[in-house]
């Protein structure tokens, strides 16, 4: 195949446009397509979602045209779980399978209870959400102290944490695509929780561990993109 579309799903509290900078670093044959979620970015006027299955079903309908050509899906943290559900919804619609699924920075769908715990099933206060942002170490203190920015970010973050906290795994036929899992050495997801992704697809499985914590995709962006590009080049040439 001559080109490949990469659907990119964001982590909690973020706009998918965080992936737009990758366009400058990846080869021309790889079309980076950030998948914006309702309630942020260009979709700011739409209601936020707290039901993972309903959101995945909506996104699958919206991306049907994009996946009529060869494509892969990538997500980080919340985005990885959503990418997995999106792949299933596209499969249910009869769409062609992605050439690969990249799940970054989170435990497998069957390991959510031990990863998330029971505390995120109900909405959290601003203070609790800010403490969690500090724990994840991806938000500068000057941003956390900016009330105007936080007033925009926290409602999105609250809804996104509910997406994860209320997620319910459903047993279905496995996916049929290669599955690449990326993790950070000091991130909360254990190696066992990352390896548990293996059971979700009949395709080849690979686990890659990077230095750094939860936001290793930013801390070691060039290395992550190198792995991503090399993997997709192999899939592109073998398809």
C-alpha atoms as a PDB file:
ATOM      1  CA  UNK A   1       0.000   0.000   0.000  1.00  0.00           C
ATOM      2  CA  UNK A   2       1.234   3.507  -0.738  1.00  0.00           C
ATOM      3  CA  UNK A   3      -0.206   5.335   2.285  1.00  0.00           C
ATOM      4  CA  UNK A   4      -1.678   4.654   5.695  1.00  0.00           C
ATOM      5  CA  UNK A   5      -3.985   6.636   7.984  1.00  0.00           C
ATOM      6  CA  UNK A   6      -3.220   6.690  11.716  1.00  0.00           C
ATOM      7  CA  UNK A   7      -6.245   7.457  13.903  1.00  0.00           C
ATOM      8  CA  UNK A   8      -4.963   9.007  17.152  1.00  0.00           C
ATOM      9  CA  UNK A   9      -7.048   9.155  20.340  1.00  0.00           C
ATOM     10  CA  UNK A  10      -6.116  11.483  23.228  1.00  0.00           C
ATOM     11  CA  UNK A  11      -5.584  10.861  26.931  1.00  0.00           C
ATOM     12  CA  UNK A  12      -7.812  12.238  29.685  1.00  0.00           C
ATOM     13  CA  UNK A  13      -8.341  15.986  29.669  1.00  0.00           C
ATOM     14  CA  UNK A  14      -6.602  16.508  26.335  1.00  0.00           C
ATOM     15  CA  UNK A  15      -7.505  17.463  22.792  1.00  0.00           C
ATOM     16  CA  UNK A  16      -6.538  15.066  20.021  1.00  0.00           C
ATOM     17  CA  UNK A  17      -4.642  17.943  18.426  1.00  0.00           C
ATOM     18  CA  UNK A  18      -1.748  17.062  20.731  1.00  0.00           C
ATOM     19  CA  UNK A  19      -0.862  14.562  17.980  1.00  0.00           C
ATOM     20  CA  UNK A  20      -0.774  17.165  15.205  1.00  0.00           C
ATOM     21  CA  UNK A  21       2.930  17.890  15.833  1.00  0.00           C
ATOM     22  CA  UNK A  22       3.697  14.304  14.828  1.00  0.00           C
ATOM     23  CA  UNK A  23       2.906  15.226  11.218  1.00  0.00           C
ATOM     24  CA  UNK A  24       6.198  17.128  11.023  1.00  0.00           C
ATOM     25  CA  UNK A  25       8.194  14.128  12.247  1.00  0.00           C
ATOM     26  CA  UNK A  26       6.589  11.182  10.463  1.00  0.00           C
ATOM     27  CA  UNK A  27       7.004  10.205   6.780  1.00  0.00           C
ATOM     28  CA  UNK A  28       4.633  11.478   4.110  1.00  0.00           C
ATOM     29  CA  UNK A  29       3.057   8.038   3.583  1.00  0.00           C
ATOM     30  CA  UNK A  30       1.673   8.129   7.142  1.00  0.00           C
ATOM     31  CA  UNK A  31      -1.398  10.353   7.459  1.00  0.00           C
ATOM     32  CA  UNK A  32      -1.812  11.351  11.114  1.00  0.00           C
ATOM     33  CA  UNK A  33      -5.527  11.835  11.798  1.00  0.00           C
ATOM     34  CA  UNK A  34      -6.260  13.137  15.338  1.00  0.00           C
ATOM     35  CA  UNK A  35      -9.704  11.910  16.416  1.00  0.00           C
ATOM     36  CA  UNK A  36     -11.237  14.717  18.468  1.00  0.00           C
ATOM     37  CA  UNK A  37     -13.650  13.752  21.219  1.00  0.00           C
ATOM     38  CA  UNK A  38     -16.870  15.663  21.984  1.00  0.00           C
ATOM     39  CA  UNK A  39     -16.564  18.560  24.413  1.00  0.00           C
ATOM     40  CA  UNK A  40     -13.057  19.790  23.539  1.00  0.00           C
ATOM     41  CA  UNK A  41     -11.044  21.382  20.751  1.00  0.00           C
ATOM     42  CA  UNK A  42     -13.051  21.805  17.558  1.00  0.00           C
ATOM     43  CA  UNK A  43     -15.954  19.958  19.249  1.00  0.00           C
ATOM     44  CA  UNK A  44     -16.108  22.199  22.308  1.00  0.00           C
ATOM     45  CA  UNK A  45     -19.823  22.892  21.872  1.00  0.00           C
ATOM     46  CA  UNK A  46     -20.785  19.212  22.046  1.00  0.00           C
ATOM     47  CA  UNK A  47     -21.673  17.480  25.331  1.00  0.00           C
ATOM     48  CA  UNK A  48     -18.985  15.506  27.121  1.00  0.00           C
ATOM     49  CA  UNK A  49     -19.412  11.732  27.188  1.00  0.00           C
ATOM     50  CA  UNK A  50     -19.123   9.385  30.178  1.00  0.00           C
ATOM     51  CA  UNK A  51     -20.179   6.116  28.480  1.00  0.00           C
ATOM     52  CA  UNK A  52     -17.257   4.415  26.737  1.00  0.00           C
ATOM     53  CA  UNK A  53     -19.352   2.086  24.588  1.00  0.00           C
ATOM     54  CA  UNK A  54     -21.644   4.870  23.372  1.00  0.00           C
ATOM     55  CA  UNK A  55     -18.660   7.099  22.572  1.00  0.00           C
ATOM     56  CA  UNK A  56     -16.863   4.324  20.675  1.00  0.00           C
ATOM     57  CA  UNK A  57     -20.014   3.611  18.691  1.00  0.00           C
ATOM     58  CA  UNK A  58     -20.348   7.308  17.793  1.00  0.00           C
ATOM     59  CA  UNK A  59     -16.702   7.560  16.725  1.00  0.00           C
ATOM     60  CA  UNK A  60     -16.989   4.401  14.620  1.00  0.00           C
ATOM     61  CA  UNK A  61     -19.831   5.934  12.634  1.00  0.00           C
ATOM     62  CA  UNK A  62     -17.860   9.160  12.200  1.00  0.00           C
ATOM     63  CA  UNK A  63     -14.690   7.379  11.018  1.00  0.00           C
ATOM     64  CA  UNK A  64     -16.289   4.907   8.577  1.00  0.00           C
ATOM     65  CA  UNK A  65     -15.091   6.836   5.535  1.00  0.00           C
ATOM     66  CA  UNK A  66     -11.557   7.258   6.921  1.00  0.00           C
ATOM     67  CA  UNK A  67     -11.206   3.507   7.506  1.00  0.00           C
ATOM     68  CA  UNK A  68     -12.281   2.583   3.982  1.00  0.00           C
ATOM     69  CA  UNK A  69      -8.552   2.894   3.210  1.00  0.00           C
ATOM     70  CA  UNK A  70      -5.728   1.109   5.104  1.00  0.00           C
ATOM     71  CA  UNK A  71      -5.438   2.463   8.642  1.00  0.00           C
ATOM     72  CA  UNK A  72      -4.054   1.904  12.135  1.00  0.00           C
ATOM     73  CA  UNK A  73      -5.334   3.114  15.515  1.00  0.00           C
ATOM     74  CA  UNK A  74      -3.305   4.550  18.406  1.00  0.00           C
ATOM     75  CA  UNK A  75      -4.353   5.792  21.818  1.00  0.00           C
ATOM     76  CA  UNK A  76      -2.631   6.759  25.054  1.00  0.00           C
ATOM     77  CA  UNK A  77      -4.099   6.019  28.512  1.00  0.00           C
ATOM     78  CA  UNK A  78      -7.861   6.687  28.185  1.00  0.00           C
ATOM     79  CA  UNK A  79      -7.214   6.863  24.440  1.00  0.00           C
ATOM     80  CA  UNK A  80      -5.822   3.312  24.410  1.00  0.00           C
ATOM     81  CA  UNK A  81      -8.955   1.903  26.009  1.00  0.00           C
ATOM     82  CA  UNK A  82     -11.099   3.937  23.624  1.00  0.00           C
ATOM     83  CA  UNK A  83      -8.984   2.802  20.648  1.00  0.00           C
ATOM     84  CA  UNK A  84      -9.654  -0.811  21.648  1.00  0.00           C
ATOM     85  CA  UNK A  85     -13.404  -0.208  21.862  1.00  0.00           C
ATOM     86  CA  UNK A  86     -13.358   1.729  18.581  1.00  0.00           C
ATOM     87  CA  UNK A  87     -11.648  -1.200  16.851  1.00  0.00           C
ATOM     88  CA  UNK A  88     -14.403  -3.502  18.109  1.00  0.00           C
ATOM     89  CA  UNK A  89     -17.164  -1.140  16.981  1.00  0.00           C
ATOM     90  CA  UNK A  90     -15.603  -0.852  13.521  1.00  0.00           C
ATOM     91  CA  UNK A  91     -15.372  -4.642  13.390  1.00  0.00           C
ATOM     92  CA  UNK A  92     -19.071  -4.859  14.314  1.00  0.00           C
ATOM     93  CA  UNK A  93     -19.881  -2.503  11.424  1.00  0.00           C
ATOM     94  CA  UNK A  94     -18.107  -4.828   9.002  1.00  0.00           C
ATOM     95  CA  UNK A  95     -15.227  -2.423   8.329  1.00  0.00           C
ATOM     96  CA  UNK A  96     -11.821  -3.757   7.380  1.00  0.00           C
ATOM     97  CA  UNK A  97      -9.540  -4.433  10.347  1.00  0.00           C
ATOM     98  CA  UNK A  98      -6.753  -1.957  11.144  1.00  0.00           C
ATOM     99  CA  UNK A  99      -3.272  -2.991  10.079  1.00  0.00           C
ATOM    100  CA  UNK A 100      -2.295  -2.488  13.736  1.00  0.00           C
ATOM    101  CA  UNK A 101      -3.587  -1.247  17.085  1.00  0.00           C
ATOM    102  CA  UNK A 102      -1.228   0.676  19.398  1.00  0.00           C
ATOM    103  CA  UNK A 103      -2.244   0.777  23.079  1.00  0.00           C
ATOM    104  CA  UNK A 104      -0.031   3.090  25.114  1.00  0.00           C
ATOM    105  CA  UNK A 105       0.253   3.777  28.820  1.00  0.00           C
ATOM    106  CA  UNK A 106      -2.546   1.767  30.412  1.00  0.00           C
ATOM    107  CA  UNK A 107      -3.549  -1.656  31.716  1.00  0.00           C
ATOM    108  CA  UNK A 108      -5.420  -4.160  29.568  1.00  0.00           C
ATOM    109  CA  UNK A 109      -9.227  -4.011  29.461  1.00  0.00           C
ATOM    110  CA  UNK A 110      -9.498  -7.110  31.676  1.00  0.00           C
ATOM    111  CA  UNK A 111      -7.315  -5.530  34.380  1.00  0.00           C
ATOM    112  CA  UNK A 112      -9.197  -2.262  34.933  1.00  0.00           C
ATOM    113  CA  UNK A 113     -10.406  -3.017  38.460  1.00  0.00           C
ATOM    114  CA  UNK A 114      -6.905  -3.473  39.851  1.00  0.00           C
ATOM    115  CA  UNK A 115      -5.538  -0.578  37.766  1.00  0.00           C
ATOM    116  CA  UNK A 116      -8.212   2.092  38.288  1.00  0.00           C
ATOM    117  CA  UNK A 117      -9.737   0.800  41.530  1.00  0.00           C
ATOM    118  CA  UNK A 118     -13.326   1.583  42.531  1.00  0.00           C
ATOM    119  CA  UNK A 119     -12.757   5.266  43.381  1.00  0.00           C
ATOM    120  CA  UNK A 120     -13.338   6.773  39.925  1.00  0.00           C
ATOM    121  CA  UNK A 121     -16.898   5.622  39.284  1.00  0.00           C
ATOM    122  CA  UNK A 122     -18.340   8.843  40.695  1.00  0.00           C
ATOM    123  CA  UNK A 123     -17.497  12.483  39.805  1.00  0.00           C
ATOM    124  CA  UNK A 124     -14.566  13.954  41.725  1.00  0.00           C
ATOM    125  CA  UNK A 125     -14.045  17.455  43.113  1.00  0.00           C
ATOM    126  CA  UNK A 126     -11.694  19.944  41.487  1.00  0.00           C
ATOM    127  CA  UNK A 127      -9.181  19.437  44.315  1.00  0.00           C
ATOM    128  CA  UNK A 128      -9.075  15.660  43.834  1.00  0.00           C
ATOM    129  CA  UNK A 129      -8.646  16.045  40.075  1.00  0.00           C
ATOM    130  CA  UNK A 130      -5.790  18.516  40.516  1.00  0.00           C
ATOM    131  CA  UNK A 131      -4.080  16.133  42.964  1.00  0.00           C
ATOM    132  CA  UNK A 132      -4.350  13.364  40.366  1.00  0.00           C
ATOM    133  CA  UNK A 133      -2.788  15.624  37.722  1.00  0.00           C
ATOM    134  CA  UNK A 134       0.119  16.235  40.101  1.00  0.00           C
ATOM    135  CA  UNK A 135       0.508  12.494  40.627  1.00  0.00           C
ATOM    136  CA  UNK A 136       0.669  11.877  36.878  1.00  0.00           C
ATOM    137  CA  UNK A 137       3.398  14.564  36.596  1.00  0.00           C
ATOM    138  CA  UNK A 138       2.322  15.774  33.183  1.00  0.00           C
ATOM    139  CA  UNK A 139       0.992  19.248  34.052  1.00  0.00           C
ATOM    140  CA  UNK A 140       3.245  22.178  35.125  1.00  0.00           C
ATOM    141  CA  UNK A 141       2.391  23.849  38.441  1.00  0.00           C
ATOM    142  CA  UNK A 142       1.833  27.196  36.722  1.00  0.00           C
ATOM    143  CA  UNK A 143      -0.925  25.570  34.660  1.00  0.00           C
ATOM    144  CA  UNK A 144      -2.499  23.966  37.740  1.00  0.00           C
ATOM    145  CA  UNK A 145      -2.505  27.382  39.423  1.00  0.00           C
ATOM    146  CA  UNK A 146      -4.185  29.094  36.450  1.00  0.00           C
ATOM    147  CA  UNK A 147      -7.868  29.222  37.394  1.00  0.00           C
ATOM    148  CA  UNK A 148      -8.999  30.190  33.901  1.00  0.00           C
ATOM    149  CA  UNK A 149      -7.240  27.236  32.285  1.00  0.00           C
ATOM    150  CA  UNK A 150      -8.413  24.868  35.004  1.00  0.00           C
ATOM    151  CA  UNK A 151     -12.021  25.993  34.562  1.00  0.00           C
ATOM    152  CA  UNK A 152     -11.800  24.720  30.972  1.00  0.00           C
ATOM    153  CA  UNK A 153      -9.770  21.587  31.686  1.00  0.00           C
ATOM    154  CA  UNK A 154     -11.366  20.130  34.817  1.00  0.00           C
ATOM    155  CA  UNK A 155     -14.863  19.442  33.399  1.00  0.00           C
ATOM    156  CA  UNK A 156     -13.248  17.513  30.534  1.00  0.00           C
ATOM    157  CA  UNK A 157     -10.970  15.647  32.926  1.00  0.00           C
ATOM    158  CA  UNK A 158     -13.874  14.795  35.229  1.00  0.00           C
ATOM    159  CA  UNK A 159     -15.871  13.281  32.360  1.00  0.00           C
ATOM    160  CA  UNK A 160     -12.842  11.421  31.017  1.00  0.00           C
ATOM    161  CA  UNK A 161     -12.078   9.845  34.392  1.00  0.00           C
ATOM    162  CA  UNK A 162     -15.690   8.681  34.524  1.00  0.00           C
ATOM    163  CA  UNK A 163     -15.233   7.092  31.087  1.00  0.00           C
ATOM    164  CA  UNK A 164     -12.468   4.952  32.575  1.00  0.00           C
ATOM    165  CA  UNK A 165     -13.964   4.495  36.037  1.00  0.00           C
ATOM    166  CA  UNK A 166     -17.289   3.232  34.690  1.00  0.00           C
ATOM    167  CA  UNK A 167     -15.805   1.111  31.940  1.00  0.00           C
ATOM    168  CA  UNK A 168     -17.132  -2.445  31.794  1.00  0.00           C
ATOM    169  CA  UNK A 169     -15.264  -5.103  29.866  1.00  0.00           C
ATOM    170  CA  UNK A 170     -17.388  -7.162  27.488  1.00  0.00           C
ATOM    171  CA  UNK A 171     -16.301 -10.565  26.236  1.00  0.00           C
ATOM    172  CA  UNK A 172     -16.369 -10.613  22.426  1.00  0.00           C
ATOM    173  CA  UNK A 173     -14.602 -12.299  19.548  1.00  0.00           C
ATOM    174  CA  UNK A 174     -10.962 -11.137  19.639  1.00  0.00           C
ATOM    175  CA  UNK A 175      -9.687  -8.509  17.256  1.00  0.00           C
ATOM    176  CA  UNK A 176      -7.755  -9.760  14.235  1.00  0.00           C
ATOM    177  CA  UNK A 177      -5.005  -7.148  13.965  1.00  0.00           C
ATOM    178  CA  UNK A 178      -1.444  -6.968  15.305  1.00  0.00           C
ATOM    179  CA  UNK A 179      -1.432  -5.406  18.774  1.00  0.00           C
ATOM    180  CA  UNK A 180       1.460  -3.228  19.949  1.00  0.00           C
ATOM    181  CA  UNK A 181       1.522  -2.217  23.623  1.00  0.00           C
ATOM    182  CA  UNK A 182       3.780   0.609  24.830  1.00  0.00           C
ATOM    183  CA  UNK A 183       4.501   1.331  28.494  1.00  0.00           C
ATOM    184  CA  UNK A 184       6.676   3.517  30.709  1.00  0.00           C
ATOM    185  CA  UNK A 185       9.208   2.042  33.147  1.00  0.00           C
ATOM    186  CA  UNK A 186       7.903   4.052  36.105  1.00  0.00           C
ATOM    187  CA  UNK A 187       4.260   4.297  35.052  1.00  0.00           C
ATOM    188  CA  UNK A 188       1.524   2.779  37.234  1.00  0.00           C
ATOM    189  CA  UNK A 189       0.652   0.004  34.769  1.00  0.00           C
ATOM    190  CA  UNK A 190       2.603  -3.126  35.700  1.00  0.00           C
ATOM    191  CA  UNK A 191       4.213  -5.418  33.158  1.00  0.00           C
ATOM    192  CA  UNK A 192       1.572  -8.066  33.913  1.00  0.00           C
ATOM    193  CA  UNK A 193      -1.212  -5.539  33.293  1.00  0.00           C
ATOM    194  CA  UNK A 194       0.383  -4.581  29.977  1.00  0.00           C
ATOM    195  CA  UNK A 195       0.978  -8.190  28.916  1.00  0.00           C
ATOM    196  CA  UNK A 196      -2.700  -8.956  29.553  1.00  0.00           C
ATOM    197  CA  UNK A 197      -3.479  -7.028  26.361  1.00  0.00           C
ATOM    198  CA  UNK A 198      -2.178 -10.091  24.487  1.00  0.00           C
ATOM    199  CA  UNK A 199      -5.482 -11.964  24.822  1.00  0.00           C
ATOM    200  CA  UNK A 200      -7.439  -9.216  23.015  1.00  0.00           C
ATOM    201  CA  UNK A 201      -6.288  -9.991  19.472  1.00  0.00           C
ATOM    202  CA  UNK A 202      -5.511 -12.991  17.296  1.00  0.00           C
ATOM    203  CA  UNK A 203      -2.790 -10.962  15.573  1.00  0.00           C
ATOM    204  CA  UNK A 204       0.868 -10.673  16.525  1.00  0.00           C
ATOM    205  CA  UNK A 205       1.634  -9.101  19.902  1.00  0.00           C
ATOM    206  CA  UNK A 206       4.538  -6.871  20.917  1.00  0.00           C
ATOM    207  CA  UNK A 207       5.335  -5.061  24.179  1.00  0.00           C
ATOM    208  CA  UNK A 208       7.784  -2.149  24.226  1.00  0.00           C
ATOM    209  CA  UNK A 209       8.848  -0.482  27.492  1.00  0.00           C
ATOM    210  CA  UNK A 210      10.248   3.065  27.380  1.00  0.00           C
ATOM    211  CA  UNK A 211      12.092   5.077  30.015  1.00  0.00           C
ATOM    212  CA  UNK A 212       9.942   7.513  31.960  1.00  0.00           C
ATOM    213  CA  UNK A 213       6.526   7.650  33.558  1.00  0.00           C
ATOM    214  CA  UNK A 214       2.960   8.000  32.361  1.00  0.00           C
ATOM    215  CA  UNK A 215       3.761  10.600  29.704  1.00  0.00           C
ATOM    216  CA  UNK A 216       6.663   8.730  28.122  1.00  0.00           C
ATOM    217  CA  UNK A 217       5.108   9.445  24.703  1.00  0.00           C
ATOM    218  CA  UNK A 218       6.107  13.093  25.250  1.00  0.00           C
ATOM    219  CA  UNK A 219       9.268  12.536  27.316  1.00  0.00           C
ATOM    220  CA  UNK A 220      10.716  10.204  24.669  1.00  0.00           C
ATOM    221  CA  UNK A 221       8.703  11.283  21.653  1.00  0.00           C
ATOM    222  CA  UNK A 222      11.371  10.644  19.025  1.00  0.00           C
ATOM    223  CA  UNK A 223      11.995   7.111  20.286  1.00  0.00           C
ATOM    224  CA  UNK A 224       8.253   6.371  20.428  1.00  0.00           C
ATOM    225  CA  UNK A 225       7.776   7.679  16.893  1.00  0.00           C
ATOM    226  CA  UNK A 226      10.709   5.588  15.716  1.00  0.00           C
ATOM    227  CA  UNK A 227       9.087   2.407  17.039  1.00  0.00           C
ATOM    228  CA  UNK A 228       5.714   3.466  15.643  1.00  0.00           C
ATOM    229  CA  UNK A 229       7.090   4.246  12.192  1.00  0.00           C
ATOM    230  CA  UNK A 230       9.178   1.061  11.965  1.00  0.00           C
ATOM    231  CA  UNK A 231       6.201  -1.075  12.990  1.00  0.00           C
ATOM    232  CA  UNK A 232       3.814   0.571  10.546  1.00  0.00           C
ATOM    233  CA  UNK A 233       6.358   0.385   7.728  1.00  0.00           C
ATOM    234  CA  UNK A 234       6.492  -3.402   8.191  1.00  0.00           C
ATOM    235  CA  UNK A 235       2.695  -3.645   8.231  1.00  0.00           C
ATOM    236  CA  UNK A 236       2.433  -1.339   5.215  1.00  0.00           C
ATOM    237  CA  UNK A 237       4.837  -3.405   3.143  1.00  0.00           C
ATOM    238  CA  UNK A 238       3.346  -6.758   4.148  1.00  0.00           C
ATOM    239  CA  UNK A 239      -0.297  -5.768   3.589  1.00  0.00           C
END
